[in-house]
N, C-alpha and C. Protein backbone atom coordinates (compact mmCIF):
# COMPACT_ATOMS: atom_id res chain seq x y z
N MET A 1 91.39 99.32 77.68
CA MET A 1 90.76 99.60 78.94
C MET A 1 89.80 98.53 79.30
N SER A 2 89.08 97.90 78.32
CA SER A 2 88.08 96.87 78.57
C SER A 2 88.69 95.66 79.17
N THR A 3 89.82 95.30 78.69
CA THR A 3 90.43 94.04 79.24
C THR A 3 90.91 94.35 80.73
N GLU A 4 91.38 95.52 80.99
CA GLU A 4 91.77 95.87 82.36
C GLU A 4 90.52 95.86 83.26
N LEU A 5 89.44 96.36 82.81
CA LEU A 5 88.24 96.38 83.59
C LEU A 5 87.70 94.97 83.76
N ALA A 6 87.82 94.18 82.78
CA ALA A 6 87.43 92.74 82.87
C ALA A 6 88.27 91.96 83.93
N ARG A 7 89.59 92.27 83.90
CA ARG A 7 90.49 91.65 84.93
C ARG A 7 90.09 92.16 86.28
N ARG A 8 89.82 93.42 86.41
CA ARG A 8 89.49 93.95 87.75
C ARG A 8 88.17 93.30 88.20
N ALA A 9 87.20 93.21 87.33
CA ALA A 9 85.89 92.59 87.71
C ALA A 9 86.10 91.17 88.17
N ALA A 10 86.95 90.41 87.38
CA ALA A 10 87.23 89.03 87.74
C ALA A 10 87.89 88.93 89.15
N ASP A 11 88.67 89.97 89.50
CA ASP A 11 89.37 89.95 90.76
C ASP A 11 88.51 90.42 91.94
N GLY A 12 87.21 90.70 91.59
CA GLY A 12 86.27 91.07 92.62
C GLY A 12 86.15 92.52 92.86
N ASP A 13 86.75 93.39 91.99
CA ASP A 13 86.67 94.84 92.12
C ASP A 13 85.25 95.33 91.84
N THR A 14 84.66 96.02 92.82
CA THR A 14 83.35 96.56 92.61
C THR A 14 83.31 98.06 92.66
N SER A 15 84.40 98.68 92.16
CA SER A 15 84.51 100.11 92.17
C SER A 15 83.47 100.68 91.20
N PRO A 16 83.09 101.91 91.32
CA PRO A 16 82.11 102.47 90.41
C PRO A 16 82.48 102.43 88.96
N GLU A 17 83.71 102.45 88.63
CA GLU A 17 84.16 102.39 87.24
C GLU A 17 83.93 100.98 86.69
N VAL A 18 84.17 100.01 87.45
CA VAL A 18 83.94 98.58 87.01
C VAL A 18 82.44 98.33 86.88
N VAL A 19 81.70 98.71 87.88
CA VAL A 19 80.28 98.53 87.83
C VAL A 19 79.68 99.22 86.66
N ALA A 20 80.12 100.45 86.34
CA ALA A 20 79.52 101.18 85.21
C ALA A 20 79.90 100.47 83.92
N TRP A 21 81.10 99.92 83.80
CA TRP A 21 81.46 99.14 82.61
C TRP A 21 80.61 97.91 82.41
N ILE A 22 80.38 97.16 83.48
CA ILE A 22 79.49 95.97 83.45
C ILE A 22 78.10 96.41 83.07
N ALA A 23 77.55 97.43 83.69
CA ALA A 23 76.21 97.86 83.35
C ALA A 23 76.05 98.35 81.91
N ASP A 24 77.06 99.08 81.38
CA ASP A 24 77.01 99.59 80.01
C ASP A 24 77.11 98.30 79.02
N GLY A 25 77.93 97.39 79.40
CA GLY A 25 78.09 96.26 78.53
C GLY A 25 76.83 95.42 78.45
N LEU A 26 76.16 95.24 79.59
CA LEU A 26 74.93 94.50 79.61
C LEU A 26 73.79 95.29 78.95
N ARG A 27 73.72 96.54 79.04
CA ARG A 27 72.76 97.29 78.25
C ARG A 27 72.99 97.09 76.76
N ARG A 28 74.23 97.18 76.29
CA ARG A 28 74.53 96.98 74.88
C ARG A 28 74.13 95.58 74.46
N HIS A 29 74.48 94.60 75.30
CA HIS A 29 74.13 93.21 74.93
C HIS A 29 72.61 93.03 74.85
N LEU A 30 71.88 93.59 75.78
CA LEU A 30 70.43 93.45 75.76
C LEU A 30 69.80 94.16 74.57
N ALA A 31 70.55 95.22 74.06
CA ALA A 31 70.08 95.91 72.91
C ALA A 31 70.41 95.22 71.58
N GLY A 32 71.09 94.09 71.69
CA GLY A 32 71.33 93.25 70.51
C GLY A 32 72.76 93.04 70.12
N ASP A 33 73.79 93.68 70.80
CA ASP A 33 75.18 93.37 70.50
C ASP A 33 75.56 92.01 71.06
N ASP A 34 76.45 91.39 70.31
CA ASP A 34 76.94 90.07 70.88
C ASP A 34 77.77 90.49 72.13
N LEU A 35 77.95 89.52 72.96
CA LEU A 35 78.56 89.72 74.28
C LEU A 35 79.94 90.32 74.19
N GLU A 36 80.81 89.75 73.34
CA GLU A 36 82.19 90.26 73.23
C GLU A 36 82.22 91.71 72.79
N HIS A 37 81.43 92.03 71.78
CA HIS A 37 81.46 93.40 71.26
C HIS A 37 80.80 94.37 72.25
N ALA A 38 79.79 93.93 72.97
CA ALA A 38 79.16 94.75 73.95
C ALA A 38 80.12 95.23 75.06
N PHE A 39 80.99 94.27 75.46
CA PHE A 39 81.95 94.56 76.49
C PHE A 39 83.29 95.11 75.95
N GLY A 40 83.40 95.26 74.59
CA GLY A 40 84.60 95.76 74.03
C GLY A 40 85.78 94.71 74.06
N LEU A 41 85.39 93.43 74.02
CA LEU A 41 86.34 92.29 74.11
C LEU A 41 86.52 91.59 72.80
N ASP A 42 85.93 92.11 71.77
CA ASP A 42 86.09 91.49 70.46
C ASP A 42 87.49 91.71 69.97
N ARG A 43 87.92 90.98 68.95
CA ARG A 43 89.31 91.07 68.49
C ARG A 43 89.70 92.46 68.05
N ALA A 44 88.84 93.09 67.22
CA ALA A 44 89.18 94.45 66.80
C ALA A 44 89.33 95.39 67.94
N SER A 45 88.45 95.33 68.98
CA SER A 45 88.63 96.24 70.10
C SER A 45 89.84 95.94 70.90
N ARG A 46 90.21 94.69 71.03
CA ARG A 46 91.41 94.29 71.75
C ARG A 46 92.68 94.73 71.02
N LEU A 47 92.70 94.72 69.64
CA LEU A 47 93.80 95.13 68.92
C LEU A 47 93.96 96.69 69.07
N ARG A 48 92.84 97.40 68.98
CA ARG A 48 92.86 98.86 69.20
C ARG A 48 93.48 99.19 70.57
N GLU A 49 92.99 98.40 71.56
CA GLU A 49 93.47 98.63 72.93
C GLU A 49 94.93 98.31 73.06
N ARG A 50 95.45 97.20 72.48
CA ARG A 50 96.84 96.84 72.49
C ARG A 50 97.67 97.95 71.82
N ASN A 51 97.23 98.34 70.63
CA ASN A 51 98.00 99.38 69.93
C ASN A 51 98.05 100.74 70.67
N GLN A 52 96.97 101.15 71.27
CA GLN A 52 96.95 102.36 72.05
C GLN A 52 97.86 102.22 73.25
N ALA A 53 97.84 101.08 73.92
CA ALA A 53 98.70 100.91 75.08
C ALA A 53 100.20 100.99 74.72
N LEU A 54 100.53 100.39 73.51
CA LEU A 54 101.89 100.45 73.05
C LEU A 54 102.28 101.87 72.64
N ARG A 55 101.43 102.58 72.07
CA ARG A 55 101.64 104.02 71.74
C ARG A 55 101.84 104.82 73.01
N ASP A 56 101.07 104.49 74.05
CA ASP A 56 101.21 105.22 75.33
C ASP A 56 102.62 104.91 75.92
N ALA A 57 103.03 103.66 75.83
CA ALA A 57 104.35 103.32 76.35
C ALA A 57 105.44 103.99 75.54
N ALA A 58 105.27 104.03 74.20
CA ALA A 58 106.27 104.72 73.35
C ALA A 58 106.36 106.20 73.71
N ALA A 59 105.26 106.82 74.02
CA ALA A 59 105.17 108.26 74.35
C ALA A 59 106.04 108.47 75.65
N LEU A 60 106.01 107.56 76.52
CA LEU A 60 106.82 107.65 77.73
C LEU A 60 108.30 107.50 77.53
N LEU A 61 108.64 106.84 76.42
CA LEU A 61 110.05 106.59 76.07
C LEU A 61 110.58 107.54 75.05
N GLU A 62 109.71 108.41 74.57
CA GLU A 62 110.08 109.34 73.45
C GLU A 62 111.14 110.37 73.92
N ARG A 63 112.12 110.57 73.04
CA ARG A 63 113.08 111.61 73.19
C ARG A 63 113.22 112.29 71.89
N ASP A 64 114.20 113.17 71.74
CA ASP A 64 114.39 113.98 70.49
C ASP A 64 115.23 113.22 69.46
N ASP A 65 115.33 111.90 69.56
CA ASP A 65 116.17 111.21 68.63
C ASP A 65 115.39 110.38 67.63
N GLY A 66 114.11 110.65 67.48
CA GLY A 66 113.30 110.01 66.39
C GLY A 66 112.57 108.77 66.82
N PRO A 67 111.63 108.32 65.94
CA PRO A 67 110.75 107.21 66.21
C PRO A 67 111.47 105.84 66.16
N TRP A 68 112.53 105.77 65.33
CA TRP A 68 113.25 104.43 65.28
C TRP A 68 113.93 104.11 66.63
N ARG A 69 114.64 105.12 67.19
CA ARG A 69 115.28 104.91 68.49
C ARG A 69 114.21 104.61 69.62
N CYS A 70 113.14 105.33 69.48
CA CYS A 70 112.03 105.07 70.45
C CYS A 70 111.55 103.61 70.35
N ALA A 71 111.38 103.14 69.11
CA ALA A 71 111.01 101.72 68.88
C ALA A 71 111.98 100.79 69.45
N CYS A 72 113.26 101.14 69.33
CA CYS A 72 114.39 100.25 69.89
C CYS A 72 114.23 100.26 71.40
N ARG A 73 113.94 101.37 72.03
CA ARG A 73 113.80 101.42 73.51
C ARG A 73 112.55 100.64 73.93
N LEU A 74 111.50 100.74 73.08
CA LEU A 74 110.28 100.05 73.40
C LEU A 74 110.46 98.56 73.24
N GLU A 75 111.28 98.04 72.30
CA GLU A 75 111.57 96.66 72.16
C GLU A 75 112.23 96.13 73.46
N VAL A 76 113.21 96.90 73.99
CA VAL A 76 113.84 96.54 75.25
C VAL A 76 112.83 96.45 76.39
N ALA A 77 112.00 97.48 76.43
CA ALA A 77 110.99 97.53 77.49
C ALA A 77 110.02 96.39 77.43
N VAL A 78 109.54 95.99 76.26
CA VAL A 78 108.63 94.87 76.06
C VAL A 78 109.27 93.62 76.51
N ARG A 79 110.54 93.35 76.12
CA ARG A 79 111.19 92.13 76.52
C ARG A 79 111.49 92.07 78.01
N ARG A 80 111.80 93.23 78.60
CA ARG A 80 111.96 93.32 80.11
C ARG A 80 110.70 93.03 80.82
N PHE A 81 109.63 93.63 80.27
CA PHE A 81 108.34 93.42 80.90
C PHE A 81 107.95 91.88 80.89
N GLU A 82 108.07 91.34 79.75
CA GLU A 82 107.75 89.91 79.54
C GLU A 82 108.52 89.04 80.44
N ALA A 83 109.87 89.29 80.59
CA ALA A 83 110.76 88.40 81.33
C ALA A 83 110.74 88.72 82.83
N ARG A 84 110.55 89.90 83.25
CA ARG A 84 110.70 90.28 84.64
C ARG A 84 109.41 90.67 85.32
N ILE A 85 108.67 91.55 84.69
CA ILE A 85 107.49 92.10 85.34
C ILE A 85 106.26 91.14 85.36
N GLN A 86 106.01 90.47 84.26
CA GLN A 86 104.88 89.60 84.13
C GLN A 86 104.93 88.48 85.23
N PRO A 87 106.11 87.83 85.40
CA PRO A 87 106.15 86.83 86.54
C PRO A 87 105.85 87.44 87.86
N LEU A 88 106.28 88.68 88.12
CA LEU A 88 105.97 89.33 89.41
C LEU A 88 104.47 89.55 89.54
N LEU A 89 103.89 89.96 88.41
CA LEU A 89 102.36 90.19 88.40
C LEU A 89 101.57 88.96 88.61
N ARG A 90 102.10 87.81 88.18
CA ARG A 90 101.37 86.55 88.40
C ARG A 90 101.34 86.24 89.88
N ARG A 91 102.45 86.59 90.59
CA ARG A 91 102.47 86.33 92.05
C ARG A 91 101.69 87.35 92.78
N ASN A 92 101.69 88.61 92.35
CA ASN A 92 101.07 89.73 93.06
C ASN A 92 100.40 90.66 92.03
N PRO A 93 99.17 90.33 91.60
CA PRO A 93 98.53 91.11 90.59
C PRO A 93 98.33 92.56 90.97
N SER A 94 98.33 92.92 92.24
CA SER A 94 98.05 94.30 92.62
C SER A 94 99.32 95.05 92.89
N ALA A 95 100.50 94.50 92.48
CA ALA A 95 101.78 95.22 92.68
C ALA A 95 101.77 96.57 92.02
N PRO A 96 102.31 97.61 92.69
CA PRO A 96 102.35 98.91 92.03
C PRO A 96 103.31 98.91 90.91
N LEU A 97 102.95 99.63 89.82
CA LEU A 97 103.80 99.68 88.68
C LEU A 97 104.00 101.09 88.22
N PRO A 98 105.19 101.39 87.67
CA PRO A 98 105.41 102.75 87.14
C PRO A 98 104.61 102.85 85.81
N PRO A 99 104.41 104.10 85.35
CA PRO A 99 103.58 104.33 84.20
C PRO A 99 103.93 103.48 82.94
N LEU A 100 105.23 103.34 82.69
CA LEU A 100 105.62 102.47 81.48
C LEU A 100 105.16 101.09 81.61
N ASP A 101 105.33 100.49 82.84
CA ASP A 101 104.86 99.10 82.95
C ASP A 101 103.32 98.98 83.02
N GLN A 102 102.67 100.07 83.49
CA GLN A 102 101.21 100.01 83.44
C GLN A 102 100.71 99.95 82.00
N ALA A 103 101.34 100.79 81.16
CA ALA A 103 101.00 100.78 79.72
C ALA A 103 101.27 99.42 79.09
N LEU A 104 102.39 98.85 79.37
CA LEU A 104 102.74 97.47 78.86
C LEU A 104 101.83 96.44 79.37
N ARG A 105 101.42 96.60 80.65
CA ARG A 105 100.52 95.62 81.18
C ARG A 105 99.19 95.64 80.44
N ARG A 106 98.69 96.81 80.12
CA ARG A 106 97.49 96.94 79.33
C ARG A 106 97.65 96.31 77.93
N ALA A 107 98.78 96.48 77.37
CA ALA A 107 99.05 95.82 76.03
C ALA A 107 99.01 94.31 76.17
N PHE A 108 99.68 93.83 77.18
CA PHE A 108 99.78 92.32 77.27
C PHE A 108 98.41 91.79 77.72
N GLU A 109 97.69 92.51 78.52
CA GLU A 109 96.35 92.04 78.93
C GLU A 109 95.29 92.06 77.80
N SER A 110 95.64 92.66 76.69
CA SER A 110 94.72 92.64 75.61
C SER A 110 94.49 91.26 74.99
N GLY A 111 95.42 90.38 75.28
CA GLY A 111 95.36 89.04 74.79
C GLY A 111 95.83 88.83 73.35
N GLN A 112 96.24 89.93 72.75
CA GLN A 112 96.70 89.92 71.38
C GLN A 112 98.27 89.79 71.38
N ARG A 113 98.77 89.26 70.34
CA ARG A 113 100.23 89.07 70.20
C ARG A 113 100.87 90.46 70.26
N ILE A 114 101.92 90.53 71.05
CA ILE A 114 102.66 91.81 71.20
C ILE A 114 103.86 91.80 70.25
N PRO A 115 104.01 92.74 69.38
CA PRO A 115 105.22 92.83 68.53
C PRO A 115 106.43 92.91 69.46
N THR A 116 107.47 92.18 69.15
CA THR A 116 108.66 92.19 69.95
C THR A 116 109.92 92.68 69.26
N THR A 117 109.76 93.09 67.97
CA THR A 117 110.97 93.62 67.24
C THR A 117 110.77 95.08 67.07
N ALA A 118 111.89 95.78 67.05
CA ALA A 118 111.89 97.23 66.84
C ALA A 118 111.23 97.55 65.51
N ARG A 119 111.42 96.75 64.49
CA ARG A 119 110.77 97.07 63.16
C ARG A 119 109.25 97.04 63.31
N ASN A 120 108.73 95.98 63.88
CA ASN A 120 107.24 95.88 64.02
C ASN A 120 106.68 96.97 64.96
N LEU A 121 107.39 97.26 66.03
CA LEU A 121 106.93 98.28 66.89
C LEU A 121 107.05 99.68 66.26
N HIS A 122 108.04 99.87 65.47
CA HIS A 122 108.15 101.14 64.81
C HIS A 122 106.96 101.34 63.82
N GLU A 123 106.55 100.29 63.13
CA GLU A 123 105.37 100.41 62.23
C GLU A 123 104.13 100.77 62.98
N LEU A 124 104.06 100.27 64.23
CA LEU A 124 102.86 100.52 65.07
C LEU A 124 102.89 101.94 65.63
N ILE A 125 104.00 102.45 66.01
CA ILE A 125 104.00 103.71 66.80
C ILE A 125 104.30 104.93 65.96
N ARG A 126 104.73 104.78 64.71
CA ARG A 126 105.09 106.00 63.94
C ARG A 126 103.97 106.76 63.50
């Protein structure tokens, strides 16, 4: 969520949610946290954010056929997002996205490497 809020702030979004995130981060920084940690942009926070976003995407793909099949579907979705949706978002960052692509966008915006094999995704979502 922090990377999404950072992106929105960089795009000029001044909604109450973004302003509250900035104010909270600045309060934490002034209280002694380093800037990355105060805003939830440190590596550990970004990994947690990426993992949660991938779990959210997996939950949308879940069926009654088990976690391995879900990981296989997630692998296809990740590759599709990377090849097709990301280029569209570069041209139009405010393009409306379905829930699965919103979750994958959050994962990619974390700035952390995204697992692209069913095996690695399975380890993460099980």
